[in-house]
């Protein structure tokens, strides 16, 4: 994927009178993906004056309160922590103003009201797991792999009213290898995003960042990345073997593609394919009860290599077939 600027385009030069180390930064984030970015800022010497994350939530069988990954890191580093239930709550807004942030950074966090993202003089920047304007939305990593992309990346951009549409600051391309899935790309983009965030904040402080409106970037036909629901993970066997293979990769290991085997639901994590004429109706499955389980697709066979049938553990197909009596 190649990003091309269509001239002429408007550039806004951001120049501020504080060094990187002097900038007061408030960080917003919740999961592991955000921890890498926060840690990169701290390790680079940034002045993180506040961290905002989700409230603790019940988890597990005992429903004990579980802290977010960002909270655990912030507490360990002795950073000032805020966990608002409501982003517009007066007490939270008072806490946030008291931080006197020059800049806010958002990585993998919920929607923010304008009163929050428009508060600091330098605005609020976000780290997104795609090459914007491609794959705007909640699931950019999954959707890029599901669509068979070979290149994705990370983007830093300024927040505005419409989701993921703010002016681009910096981008970094990351290749999607044939063996990659959503899990491996999550880790690659997490590291790339953390590195790009530090470069972006340093560039803003130095006044070397040129803000580029997304409507001035020629990225070809735009593809979106909406949130993935359970019904979106069902495998449709009338698709091509390549399409199904990418679909499985893009949902592995979580939330995982699924299909039916006998009368039980089965999650599918790893596949390989054989392009051929099967002579079978799409969705027909067959097995030798020893080495393979395969489904007929539009143009060949899709072999299931790792799976988890309802009520069982995740396992490789050989282990599964030892106990399979279907």
C-alpha atoms as a PDB file:
ATOM      1  CA  UNK A   1       0.000   0.000   0.000  1.00  0.00           C
ATOM      2  CA  UNK A   2       1.516   3.320  -1.062  1.00  0.00           C
ATOM      3  CA  UNK A   3       0.407   6.679   0.298  1.00  0.00           C
ATOM      4  CA  UNK A   4       0.601   9.443  -2.294  1.00  0.00           C
ATOM      5  CA  UNK A   5      -0.056  13.120  -1.617  1.00  0.00           C
ATOM      6  CA  UNK A   6      -2.132  14.905  -4.227  1.00  0.00           C
ATOM      7  CA  UNK A   7      -0.668  18.399  -4.707  1.00  0.00           C
ATOM      8  CA  UNK A   8      -1.516  21.039  -3.935  1.00  0.00           C
ATOM      9  CA  UNK A   9      -2.259  20.280  -0.287  1.00  0.00           C
ATOM     10  CA  UNK A  10      -2.439  22.332   2.905  1.00  0.00           C
ATOM     11  CA  UNK A  11       0.329  21.839   5.435  1.00  0.00           C
ATOM     12  CA  UNK A  12       0.131  23.158   8.973  1.00  0.00           C
ATOM     13  CA  UNK A  13       3.479  23.499  10.682  1.00  0.00           C
ATOM     14  CA  UNK A  14       3.250  22.773  14.402  1.00  0.00           C
ATOM     15  CA  UNK A  15       5.773  24.778  16.406  1.00  0.00           C
ATOM     16  CA  UNK A  16       5.879  25.083  20.198  1.00  0.00           C
ATOM     17  CA  UNK A  17       8.334  26.640  22.621  1.00  0.00           C
ATOM     18  CA  UNK A  18       8.948  23.583  24.803  1.00  0.00           C
ATOM     19  CA  UNK A  19      11.412  20.763  24.373  1.00  0.00           C
ATOM     20  CA  UNK A  20      10.304  17.116  24.295  1.00  0.00           C
ATOM     21  CA  UNK A  21      11.311  16.672  27.932  1.00  0.00           C
ATOM     22  CA  UNK A  22       9.417  19.815  28.981  1.00  0.00           C
ATOM     23  CA  UNK A  23       6.103  18.913  27.375  1.00  0.00           C
ATOM     24  CA  UNK A  24       3.450  17.954  29.906  1.00  0.00           C
ATOM     25  CA  UNK A  25       1.662  14.877  28.533  1.00  0.00           C
ATOM     26  CA  UNK A  26      -1.492  13.077  29.669  1.00  0.00           C
ATOM     27  CA  UNK A  27      -1.802   9.535  28.302  1.00  0.00           C
ATOM     28  CA  UNK A  28      -5.094   7.717  27.615  1.00  0.00           C
ATOM     29  CA  UNK A  29      -5.110   3.926  27.094  1.00  0.00           C
ATOM     30  CA  UNK A  30      -6.251   0.589  28.451  1.00  0.00           C
ATOM     31  CA  UNK A  31      -4.895  -2.703  26.944  1.00  0.00           C
ATOM     32  CA  UNK A  32      -1.408  -4.143  26.354  1.00  0.00           C
ATOM     33  CA  UNK A  33      -1.216  -2.391  22.977  1.00  0.00           C
ATOM     34  CA  UNK A  34      -1.279   0.939  24.831  1.00  0.00           C
ATOM     35  CA  UNK A  35       1.286  -0.085  27.459  1.00  0.00           C
ATOM     36  CA  UNK A  36       4.063  -0.309  24.871  1.00  0.00           C
ATOM     37  CA  UNK A  37       3.383   3.274  23.774  1.00  0.00           C
ATOM     38  CA  UNK A  38       3.249   4.609  27.328  1.00  0.00           C
ATOM     39  CA  UNK A  39       6.449   2.778  28.243  1.00  0.00           C
ATOM     40  CA  UNK A  40       8.187   4.184  25.147  1.00  0.00           C
ATOM     41  CA  UNK A  41       7.305   7.735  26.224  1.00  0.00           C
ATOM     42  CA  UNK A  42       8.516   7.148  29.784  1.00  0.00           C
ATOM     43  CA  UNK A  43      11.734   5.463  28.621  1.00  0.00           C
ATOM     44  CA  UNK A  44      12.421   8.364  26.235  1.00  0.00           C
ATOM     45  CA  UNK A  45      12.253  10.845  29.102  1.00  0.00           C
ATOM     46  CA  UNK A  46       8.825  12.346  28.422  1.00  0.00           C
ATOM     47  CA  UNK A  47       7.056  14.137  31.267  1.00  0.00           C
ATOM     48  CA  UNK A  48       3.884  12.061  31.658  1.00  0.00           C
ATOM     49  CA  UNK A  49       1.871  14.042  34.207  1.00  0.00           C
ATOM     50  CA  UNK A  50      -1.223  11.870  34.124  1.00  0.00           C
ATOM     51  CA  UNK A  51      -2.568   8.523  32.880  1.00  0.00           C
ATOM     52  CA  UNK A  52      -6.246   7.900  32.145  1.00  0.00           C
ATOM     53  CA  UNK A  53      -7.514   4.312  31.855  1.00  0.00           C
ATOM     54  CA  UNK A  54     -10.708   2.312  32.233  1.00  0.00           C
ATOM     55  CA  UNK A  55     -12.142   1.554  35.684  1.00  0.00           C
ATOM     56  CA  UNK A  56     -11.363  -1.872  37.124  1.00  0.00           C
ATOM     57  CA  UNK A  57     -13.814  -4.504  35.864  1.00  0.00           C
ATOM     58  CA  UNK A  58     -14.966  -7.880  37.238  1.00  0.00           C
ATOM     59  CA  UNK A  59     -13.231 -10.763  35.491  1.00  0.00           C
ATOM     60  CA  UNK A  60     -12.906 -14.520  35.773  1.00  0.00           C
ATOM     61  CA  UNK A  61     -15.130 -17.007  37.552  1.00  0.00           C
ATOM     62  CA  UNK A  62     -14.801 -15.196  40.853  1.00  0.00           C
ATOM     63  CA  UNK A  63     -15.710 -11.862  39.246  1.00  0.00           C
ATOM     64  CA  UNK A  64     -12.856 -10.177  41.074  1.00  0.00           C
ATOM     65  CA  UNK A  65     -11.957  -6.661  39.982  1.00  0.00           C
ATOM     66  CA  UNK A  66      -9.240  -6.684  37.331  1.00  0.00           C
ATOM     67  CA  UNK A  67      -7.038  -3.662  36.639  1.00  0.00           C
ATOM     68  CA  UNK A  68      -6.207  -2.734  33.051  1.00  0.00           C
ATOM     69  CA  UNK A  69      -2.730  -3.373  31.695  1.00  0.00           C
ATOM     70  CA  UNK A  70      -2.146   0.398  31.514  1.00  0.00           C
ATOM     71  CA  UNK A  71      -3.142   0.828  35.160  1.00  0.00           C
ATOM     72  CA  UNK A  72      -0.741  -1.893  36.274  1.00  0.00           C
ATOM     73  CA  UNK A  73       2.131  -0.199  34.425  1.00  0.00           C
ATOM     74  CA  UNK A  74       1.196   3.297  35.646  1.00  0.00           C
ATOM     75  CA  UNK A  75       1.020   2.168  39.280  1.00  0.00           C
ATOM     76  CA  UNK A  76       4.369   0.397  38.975  1.00  0.00           C
ATOM     77  CA  UNK A  77       5.911   3.604  37.596  1.00  0.00           C
ATOM     78  CA  UNK A  78       4.282   5.858  40.201  1.00  0.00           C
ATOM     79  CA  UNK A  79       2.375   7.853  37.573  1.00  0.00           C
ATOM     80  CA  UNK A  80      -0.685   9.930  38.476  1.00  0.00           C
ATOM     81  CA  UNK A  81      -3.694   7.762  37.592  1.00  0.00           C
ATOM     82  CA  UNK A  82      -7.299   8.640  36.702  1.00  0.00           C
ATOM     83  CA  UNK A  83     -10.097   6.100  36.091  1.00  0.00           C
ATOM     84  CA  UNK A  84     -13.267   8.018  35.237  1.00  0.00           C
ATOM     85  CA  UNK A  85     -16.592   6.224  34.881  1.00  0.00           C
ATOM     86  CA  UNK A  86     -17.857   9.109  32.737  1.00  0.00           C
ATOM     87  CA  UNK A  87     -15.607  11.277  30.608  1.00  0.00           C
ATOM     88  CA  UNK A  88     -17.806  14.351  31.082  1.00  0.00           C
ATOM     89  CA  UNK A  89     -17.998  14.049  34.868  1.00  0.00           C
ATOM     90  CA  UNK A  90     -17.115  17.466  36.436  1.00  0.00           C
ATOM     91  CA  UNK A  91     -14.724  15.916  38.951  1.00  0.00           C
ATOM     92  CA  UNK A  92     -12.770  14.164  36.184  1.00  0.00           C
ATOM     93  CA  UNK A  93     -12.593  17.281  34.020  1.00  0.00           C
ATOM     94  CA  UNK A  94     -11.291  19.182  37.046  1.00  0.00           C
ATOM     95  CA  UNK A  95      -8.594  16.518  37.592  1.00  0.00           C
ATOM     96  CA  UNK A  96      -7.656  16.666  33.921  1.00  0.00           C
ATOM     97  CA  UNK A  97      -7.378  20.459  33.840  1.00  0.00           C
ATOM     98  CA  UNK A  98      -5.226  20.367  36.962  1.00  0.00           C
ATOM     99  CA  UNK A  99      -2.670  18.303  35.026  1.00  0.00           C
ATOM    100  CA  UNK A 100      -2.093  21.365  32.803  1.00  0.00           C
ATOM    101  CA  UNK A 101      -1.155  19.154  29.866  1.00  0.00           C
ATOM    102  CA  UNK A 102       0.410  20.629  26.745  1.00  0.00           C
ATOM    103  CA  UNK A 103      -0.500  17.500  24.763  1.00  0.00           C
ATOM    104  CA  UNK A 104      -2.701  14.431  25.200  1.00  0.00           C
ATOM    105  CA  UNK A 105      -1.942  11.025  23.689  1.00  0.00           C
ATOM    106  CA  UNK A 106      -4.571   8.347  23.034  1.00  0.00           C
ATOM    107  CA  UNK A 107      -3.767   4.700  22.281  1.00  0.00           C
ATOM    108  CA  UNK A 108      -6.520   2.040  22.260  1.00  0.00           C
ATOM    109  CA  UNK A 109      -9.032   3.967  24.348  1.00  0.00           C
ATOM    110  CA  UNK A 110     -12.758   4.593  24.168  1.00  0.00           C
ATOM    111  CA  UNK A 111     -14.493   7.478  22.416  1.00  0.00           C
ATOM    112  CA  UNK A 112     -13.681  10.856  23.948  1.00  0.00           C
ATOM    113  CA  UNK A 113     -15.914  13.959  24.081  1.00  0.00           C
ATOM    114  CA  UNK A 114     -14.631  17.184  22.560  1.00  0.00           C
ATOM    115  CA  UNK A 115     -14.353  18.822  25.972  1.00  0.00           C
ATOM    116  CA  UNK A 116     -11.613  16.277  26.705  1.00  0.00           C
ATOM    117  CA  UNK A 117      -9.720  15.956  23.415  1.00  0.00           C
ATOM    118  CA  UNK A 118      -9.784  19.674  22.740  1.00  0.00           C
ATOM    119  CA  UNK A 119      -8.502  20.652  26.184  1.00  0.00           C
ATOM    120  CA  UNK A 120      -4.686  20.951  25.773  1.00  0.00           C
ATOM    121  CA  UNK A 121      -3.162  23.716  23.610  1.00  0.00           C
ATOM    122  CA  UNK A 122      -1.370  21.205  21.367  1.00  0.00           C
ATOM    123  CA  UNK A 123      -4.469  19.052  21.034  1.00  0.00           C
ATOM    124  CA  UNK A 124      -4.738  15.279  21.304  1.00  0.00           C
ATOM    125  CA  UNK A 125      -2.987  12.770  19.079  1.00  0.00           C
ATOM    126  CA  UNK A 126      -3.898   9.151  18.465  1.00  0.00           C
ATOM    127  CA  UNK A 127      -1.902   6.083  17.404  1.00  0.00           C
ATOM    128  CA  UNK A 128      -3.937   3.974  14.956  1.00  0.00           C
ATOM    129  CA  UNK A 129      -3.087   0.474  13.724  1.00  0.00           C
ATOM    130  CA  UNK A 130      -3.346   1.142   9.988  1.00  0.00           C
ATOM    131  CA  UNK A 131      -2.112   3.467   7.270  1.00  0.00           C
ATOM    132  CA  UNK A 132      -4.850   6.072   7.436  1.00  0.00           C
ATOM    133  CA  UNK A 133      -7.118   6.869   5.731  1.00  0.00           C
ATOM    134  CA  UNK A 134      -7.314   3.121   5.121  1.00  0.00           C
ATOM    135  CA  UNK A 135      -9.023   0.954   7.746  1.00  0.00           C
ATOM    136  CA  UNK A 136     -10.646   3.559   9.927  1.00  0.00           C
ATOM    137  CA  UNK A 137     -12.492   1.887  12.770  1.00  0.00           C
ATOM    138  CA  UNK A 138     -12.179  -0.457  15.728  1.00  0.00           C
ATOM    139  CA  UNK A 139     -10.573  -3.511  14.057  1.00  0.00           C
ATOM    140  CA  UNK A 140      -7.891  -2.319  11.599  1.00  0.00           C
ATOM    141  CA  UNK A 141      -5.460  -5.178  12.250  1.00  0.00           C
ATOM    142  CA  UNK A 142      -8.063  -7.902  11.796  1.00  0.00           C
ATOM    143  CA  UNK A 143      -9.684  -6.348   8.748  1.00  0.00           C
ATOM    144  CA  UNK A 144      -6.427  -5.749   6.861  1.00  0.00           C
ATOM    145  CA  UNK A 145      -5.424  -9.427   7.146  1.00  0.00           C
ATOM    146  CA  UNK A 146      -8.958 -10.648   6.412  1.00  0.00           C
ATOM    147  CA  UNK A 147      -8.821  -8.639   3.170  1.00  0.00           C
ATOM    148  CA  UNK A 148      -5.506 -10.208   2.148  1.00  0.00           C
ATOM    149  CA  UNK A 149      -3.357  -7.085   2.492  1.00  0.00           C
ATOM    150  CA  UNK A 150       0.415  -7.554   2.356  1.00  0.00           C
ATOM    151  CA  UNK A 151       1.264  -4.144   3.855  1.00  0.00           C
ATOM    152  CA  UNK A 152      -0.261  -2.221   6.738  1.00  0.00           C
ATOM    153  CA  UNK A 153       1.253   0.090   9.313  1.00  0.00           C
ATOM    154  CA  UNK A 154       0.652   2.649  12.033  1.00  0.00           C
ATOM    155  CA  UNK A 155      -0.384   6.300  11.886  1.00  0.00           C
ATOM    156  CA  UNK A 156      -0.261   9.159  14.347  1.00  0.00           C
ATOM    157  CA  UNK A 157      -2.936  11.794  13.798  1.00  0.00           C
ATOM    158  CA  UNK A 158      -4.778  14.631  15.549  1.00  0.00           C
ATOM    159  CA  UNK A 159      -8.245  13.908  16.940  1.00  0.00           C
ATOM    160  CA  UNK A 160     -11.271  15.703  15.515  1.00  0.00           C
ATOM    161  CA  UNK A 161     -15.044  15.171  15.559  1.00  0.00           C
ATOM    162  CA  UNK A 162     -15.323  12.291  13.068  1.00  0.00           C
ATOM    163  CA  UNK A 163     -13.625   9.073  14.190  1.00  0.00           C
ATOM    164  CA  UNK A 164     -10.144   8.407  12.744  1.00  0.00           C
ATOM    165  CA  UNK A 165     -10.353  11.328  10.303  1.00  0.00           C
ATOM    166  CA  UNK A 166      -7.961  13.870  11.841  1.00  0.00           C
ATOM    167  CA  UNK A 167      -4.887  15.292  10.150  1.00  0.00           C
ATOM    168  CA  UNK A 168      -2.050  12.792   9.712  1.00  0.00           C
ATOM    169  CA  UNK A 169       1.214  13.482  11.532  1.00  0.00           C
ATOM    170  CA  UNK A 170       3.498  10.500  10.761  1.00  0.00           C
ATOM    171  CA  UNK A 171       3.110   6.992   9.297  1.00  0.00           C
ATOM    172  CA  UNK A 172       5.198   3.839   9.338  1.00  0.00           C
ATOM    173  CA  UNK A 173       4.657   0.862   7.019  1.00  0.00           C
ATOM    174  CA  UNK A 174       4.827  -2.726   8.313  1.00  0.00           C
ATOM    175  CA  UNK A 175       4.761  -5.776   6.029  1.00  0.00           C
ATOM    176  CA  UNK A 176       2.198  -8.525   6.594  1.00  0.00           C
ATOM    177  CA  UNK A 177       3.997 -11.836   6.017  1.00  0.00           C
ATOM    178  CA  UNK A 178       2.110 -14.922   4.744  1.00  0.00           C
ATOM    179  CA  UNK A 179       2.534 -16.589   8.145  1.00  0.00           C
ATOM    180  CA  UNK A 180       1.229 -13.600  10.110  1.00  0.00           C
ATOM    181  CA  UNK A 181      -2.128 -13.561  11.856  1.00  0.00           C
ATOM    182  CA  UNK A 182      -3.925 -10.944  13.951  1.00  0.00           C
ATOM    183  CA  UNK A 183      -1.888 -11.901  17.008  1.00  0.00           C
ATOM    184  CA  UNK A 184       1.549 -11.554  15.423  1.00  0.00           C
ATOM    185  CA  UNK A 185       0.588  -8.336  13.627  1.00  0.00           C
ATOM    186  CA  UNK A 186      -0.769  -6.915  16.885  1.00  0.00           C
ATOM    187  CA  UNK A 187       2.693  -7.335  18.403  1.00  0.00           C
ATOM    188  CA  UNK A 188       4.497  -5.915  15.368  1.00  0.00           C
ATOM    189  CA  UNK A 189       2.234  -2.861  15.168  1.00  0.00           C
ATOM    190  CA  UNK A 190       2.393  -2.375  18.927  1.00  0.00           C
ATOM    191  CA  UNK A 191       6.180  -1.993  18.708  1.00  0.00           C
ATOM    192  CA  UNK A 192       6.015   0.147  15.562  1.00  0.00           C
ATOM    193  CA  UNK A 193       3.331   2.380  17.068  1.00  0.00           C
ATOM    194  CA  UNK A 194       5.322   2.974  20.233  1.00  0.00           C
ATOM    195  CA  UNK A 195       8.374   4.004  18.194  1.00  0.00           C
ATOM    196  CA  UNK A 196       6.298   6.246  15.933  1.00  0.00           C
ATOM    197  CA  UNK A 197       4.607   7.926  18.908  1.00  0.00           C
ATOM    198  CA  UNK A 198       7.918   9.050  20.398  1.00  0.00           C
ATOM    199  CA  UNK A 199       9.087  10.330  17.007  1.00  0.00           C
ATOM    200  CA  UNK A 200       5.816  12.230  16.604  1.00  0.00           C
ATOM    201  CA  UNK A 201       5.937  13.929  19.996  1.00  0.00           C
ATOM    202  CA  UNK A 202       9.571  14.894  19.443  1.00  0.00           C
ATOM    203  CA  UNK A 203       8.675  16.256  16.013  1.00  0.00           C
ATOM    204  CA  UNK A 204       5.796  18.304  17.411  1.00  0.00           C
ATOM    205  CA  UNK A 205       8.061  19.770  20.058  1.00  0.00           C
ATOM    206  CA  UNK A 206      10.700  20.621  17.468  1.00  0.00           C
ATOM    207  CA  UNK A 207       8.166  22.074  15.020  1.00  0.00           C
ATOM    208  CA  UNK A 208       9.142  19.681  12.217  1.00  0.00           C
ATOM    209  CA  UNK A 209       5.807  17.862  11.818  1.00  0.00           C
ATOM    210  CA  UNK A 210       3.637  18.745   8.837  1.00  0.00           C
ATOM    211  CA  UNK A 211      -0.034  17.970   9.433  1.00  0.00           C
ATOM    212  CA  UNK A 212      -1.631  16.453   6.333  1.00  0.00           C
ATOM    213  CA  UNK A 213      -5.432  16.398   5.932  1.00  0.00           C
ATOM    214  CA  UNK A 214      -6.602  12.878   5.157  1.00  0.00           C
ATOM    215  CA  UNK A 215      -8.659  14.034   2.183  1.00  0.00           C
ATOM    216  CA  UNK A 216      -5.382  15.094   0.545  1.00  0.00           C
ATOM    217  CA  UNK A 217      -3.915  11.568   0.749  1.00  0.00           C
ATOM    218  CA  UNK A 218      -4.450   9.341  -2.297  1.00  0.00           C
ATOM    219  CA  UNK A 219      -4.737   5.836  -0.842  1.00  0.00           C
ATOM    220  CA  UNK A 220      -6.955   4.330  -3.523  1.00  0.00           C
ATOM    221  CA  UNK A 221     -10.338   2.823  -2.701  1.00  0.00           C
ATOM    222  CA  UNK A 222     -10.919   3.190   1.032  1.00  0.00           C
ATOM    223  CA  UNK A 223     -11.676   0.146   3.186  1.00  0.00           C
ATOM    224  CA  UNK A 224     -13.153   0.457   6.663  1.00  0.00           C
ATOM    225  CA  UNK A 225     -12.479  -1.551   9.815  1.00  0.00           C
ATOM    226  CA  UNK A 226     -15.720  -1.813  11.791  1.00  0.00           C
ATOM    227  CA  UNK A 227     -15.927  -3.630  15.093  1.00  0.00           C
ATOM    228  CA  UNK A 228     -16.123  -7.425  14.802  1.00  0.00           C
ATOM    229  CA  UNK A 229     -19.137  -9.181  16.282  1.00  0.00           C
ATOM    230  CA  UNK A 230     -19.810 -12.912  16.747  1.00  0.00           C
ATOM    231  CA  UNK A 231     -21.821 -13.126  13.523  1.00  0.00           C
ATOM    232  CA  UNK A 232     -18.877 -11.652  11.613  1.00  0.00           C
ATOM    233  CA  UNK A 233     -16.657 -14.632  12.487  1.00  0.00           C
ATOM    234  CA  UNK A 234     -18.687 -17.335  10.713  1.00  0.00           C
ATOM    235  CA  UNK A 235     -16.779 -18.997   7.844  1.00  0.00           C
ATOM    236  CA  UNK A 236     -18.630 -18.936   4.515  1.00  0.00           C
ATOM    237  CA  UNK A 237     -17.397 -21.955   2.596  1.00  0.00           C
ATOM    238  CA  UNK A 238     -18.641 -20.657  -0.772  1.00  0.00           C
ATOM    239  CA  UNK A 239     -15.686 -18.254  -0.831  1.00  0.00           C
ATOM    240  CA  UNK A 240     -12.280 -18.998  -2.387  1.00  0.00           C
ATOM    241  CA  UNK A 241      -9.694 -20.974  -0.425  1.00  0.00           C
ATOM    242  CA  UNK A 242      -7.427 -17.896  -0.299  1.00  0.00           C
ATOM    243  CA  UNK A 243     -10.265 -15.746   1.001  1.00  0.00           C
ATOM    244  CA  UNK A 244     -11.128 -18.255   3.725  1.00  0.00           C
ATOM    245  CA  UNK A 245      -7.477 -18.697   4.701  1.00  0.00           C
ATOM    246  CA  UNK A 246      -7.060 -14.917   5.105  1.00  0.00           C
ATOM    247  CA  UNK A 247     -10.350 -14.731   7.005  1.00  0.00           C
ATOM    248  CA  UNK A 248      -9.051 -17.287   9.521  1.00  0.00           C
ATOM    249  CA  UNK A 249      -5.664 -15.534   9.839  1.00  0.00           C
ATOM    250  CA  UNK A 250      -7.344 -12.188  10.423  1.00  0.00           C
ATOM    251  CA  UNK A 251      -9.398 -13.547  13.321  1.00  0.00           C
ATOM    252  CA  UNK A 252      -6.705 -15.706  14.944  1.00  0.00           C
ATOM    253  CA  UNK A 253      -6.207 -16.099  17.846  1.00  0.00           C
ATOM    254  CA  UNK A 254      -9.061 -13.814  18.881  1.00  0.00           C
ATOM    255  CA  UNK A 255     -11.999 -13.736  18.418  1.00  0.00           C
ATOM    256  CA  UNK A 256     -11.368 -16.714  16.062  1.00  0.00           C
ATOM    257  CA  UNK A 257     -13.261 -17.799  12.973  1.00  0.00           C
ATOM    258  CA  UNK A 258     -15.845 -20.505  13.547  1.00  0.00           C
ATOM    259  CA  UNK A 259     -17.847 -23.139  11.691  1.00  0.00           C
ATOM    260  CA  UNK A 260     -19.865 -26.265  12.502  1.00  0.00           C
ATOM    261  CA  UNK A 261     -18.530 -29.820  12.754  1.00  0.00           C
ATOM    262  CA  UNK A 262     -21.250 -32.434  13.250  1.00  0.00           C
ATOM    263  CA  UNK A 263     -23.606 -30.639  15.645  1.00  0.00           C
ATOM    264  CA  UNK A 264     -21.027 -28.565  17.515  1.00  0.00           C
ATOM    265  CA  UNK A 265     -19.453 -25.170  16.926  1.00  0.00           C
ATOM    266  CA  UNK A 266     -15.715 -25.212  16.194  1.00  0.00           C
ATOM    267  CA  UNK A 267     -13.209 -22.364  16.309  1.00  0.00           C
ATOM    268  CA  UNK A 268     -10.554 -22.439  13.599  1.00  0.00           C
ATOM    269  CA  UNK A 269      -7.118 -20.902  14.230  1.00  0.00           C
ATOM    270  CA  UNK A 270      -4.754 -22.220  11.522  1.00  0.00           C
ATOM    271  CA  UNK A 271      -5.423 -23.534   8.019  1.00  0.00           C
ATOM    272  CA  UNK A 272      -3.677 -24.441   4.819  1.00  0.00           C
ATOM    273  CA  UNK A 273      -5.235 -24.796   1.393  1.00  0.00           C
ATOM    274  CA  UNK A 274      -5.270 -26.841  -1.804  1.00  0.00           C
ATOM    275  CA  UNK A 275      -6.624 -25.197  -4.924  1.00  0.00           C
ATOM    276  CA  UNK A 276      -8.382 -27.820  -7.049  1.00  0.00           C
ATOM    277  CA  UNK A 277     -11.752 -29.138  -8.175  1.00  0.00           C
ATOM    278  CA  UNK A 278     -13.251 -30.979  -5.204  1.00  0.00           C
ATOM    279  CA  UNK A 279     -16.391 -32.329  -6.787  1.00  0.00           C
ATOM    280  CA  UNK A 280     -18.137 -31.588  -3.483  1.00  0.00           C
ATOM    281  CA  UNK A 281     -20.714 -29.033  -2.425  1.00  0.00           C
ATOM    282  CA  UNK A 282     -19.086 -26.101  -0.593  1.00  0.00           C
ATOM    283  CA  UNK A 283     -19.082 -26.648   3.147  1.00  0.00           C
ATOM    284  CA  UNK A 284     -18.800 -30.432   2.825  1.00  0.00           C
ATOM    285  CA  UNK A 285     -16.206 -31.771   5.234  1.00  0.00           C
ATOM    286  CA  UNK A 286     -14.256 -35.000   5.222  1.00  0.00           C
ATOM    287  CA  UNK A 287     -11.483 -36.623   7.246  1.00  0.00           C
ATOM    288  CA  UNK A 288      -9.271 -39.707   7.245  1.00  0.00           C
ATOM    289  CA  UNK A 289      -9.652 -39.808  11.067  1.00  0.00           C
ATOM    290  CA  UNK A 290      -5.864 -39.631  11.415  1.00  0.00           C
ATOM    291  CA  UNK A 291      -4.119 -36.731   9.669  1.00  0.00           C
ATOM    292  CA  UNK A 292      -6.551 -34.315   8.076  1.00  0.00           C
ATOM    293  CA  UNK A 293      -9.892 -32.567   8.379  1.00  0.00           C
ATOM    294  CA  UNK A 294     -10.847 -30.534   5.347  1.00  0.00           C
ATOM    295  CA  UNK A 295     -13.757 -28.490   3.996  1.00  0.00           C
ATOM    296  CA  UNK A 296     -14.720 -27.932   0.376  1.00  0.00           C
ATOM    297  CA  UNK A 297     -14.611 -24.287  -0.730  1.00  0.00           C
ATOM    298  CA  UNK A 298     -15.392 -22.584  -4.035  1.00  0.00           C
ATOM    299  CA  UNK A 299     -12.093 -23.538  -5.671  1.00  0.00           C
ATOM    300  CA  UNK A 300     -10.476 -26.212  -3.519  1.00  0.00           C
ATOM    301  CA  UNK A 301      -9.968 -27.649  -0.039  1.00  0.00           C
ATOM    302  CA  UNK A 302      -9.329 -25.776   3.203  1.00  0.00           C
ATOM    303  CA  UNK A 303      -7.442 -27.980   5.676  1.00  0.00           C
ATOM    304  CA  UNK A 304      -7.956 -27.288   9.381  1.00  0.00           C
ATOM    305  CA  UNK A 305      -4.607 -27.398  11.205  1.00  0.00           C
ATOM    306  CA  UNK A 306      -5.500 -25.995  14.653  1.00  0.00           C
ATOM    307  CA  UNK A 307      -8.984 -25.902  16.139  1.00  0.00           C
ATOM    308  CA  UNK A 308     -11.073 -25.855  19.277  1.00  0.00           C
ATOM    309  CA  UNK A 309     -14.381 -27.662  19.286  1.00  0.00           C
ATOM    310  CA  UNK A 310     -17.051 -26.547  21.697  1.00  0.00           C
ATOM    311  CA  UNK A 311     -16.300 -27.918  25.171  1.00  0.00           C
ATOM    312  CA  UNK A 312     -12.693 -28.868  24.346  1.00  0.00           C
ATOM    313  CA  UNK A 313      -9.233 -27.305  24.437  1.00  0.00           C
ATOM    314  CA  UNK A 314      -7.407 -25.800  21.477  1.00  0.00           C
ATOM    315  CA  UNK A 315      -5.332 -28.476  19.756  1.00  0.00           C
ATOM    316  CA  UNK A 316      -3.711 -29.498  16.493  1.00  0.00           C
ATOM    317  CA  UNK A 317      -5.806 -31.547  14.092  1.00  0.00           C
ATOM    318  CA  UNK A 318      -3.937 -34.821  14.664  1.00  0.00           C
ATOM    319  CA  UNK A 319      -4.534 -34.646  18.414  1.00  0.00           C
ATOM    320  CA  UNK A 320      -8.176 -33.767  17.827  1.00  0.00           C
ATOM    321  CA  UNK A 321      -8.773 -36.637  15.440  1.00  0.00           C
ATOM    322  CA  UNK A 322      -7.477 -39.193  17.933  1.00  0.00           C
ATOM    323  CA  UNK A 323     -10.615 -38.638  19.978  1.00  0.00           C
ATOM    324  CA  UNK A 324     -13.012 -37.650  17.189  1.00  0.00           C
ATOM    325  CA  UNK A 325     -15.870 -40.070  16.469  1.00  0.00           C
ATOM    326  CA  UNK A 326     -17.866 -37.940  14.052  1.00  0.00           C
END
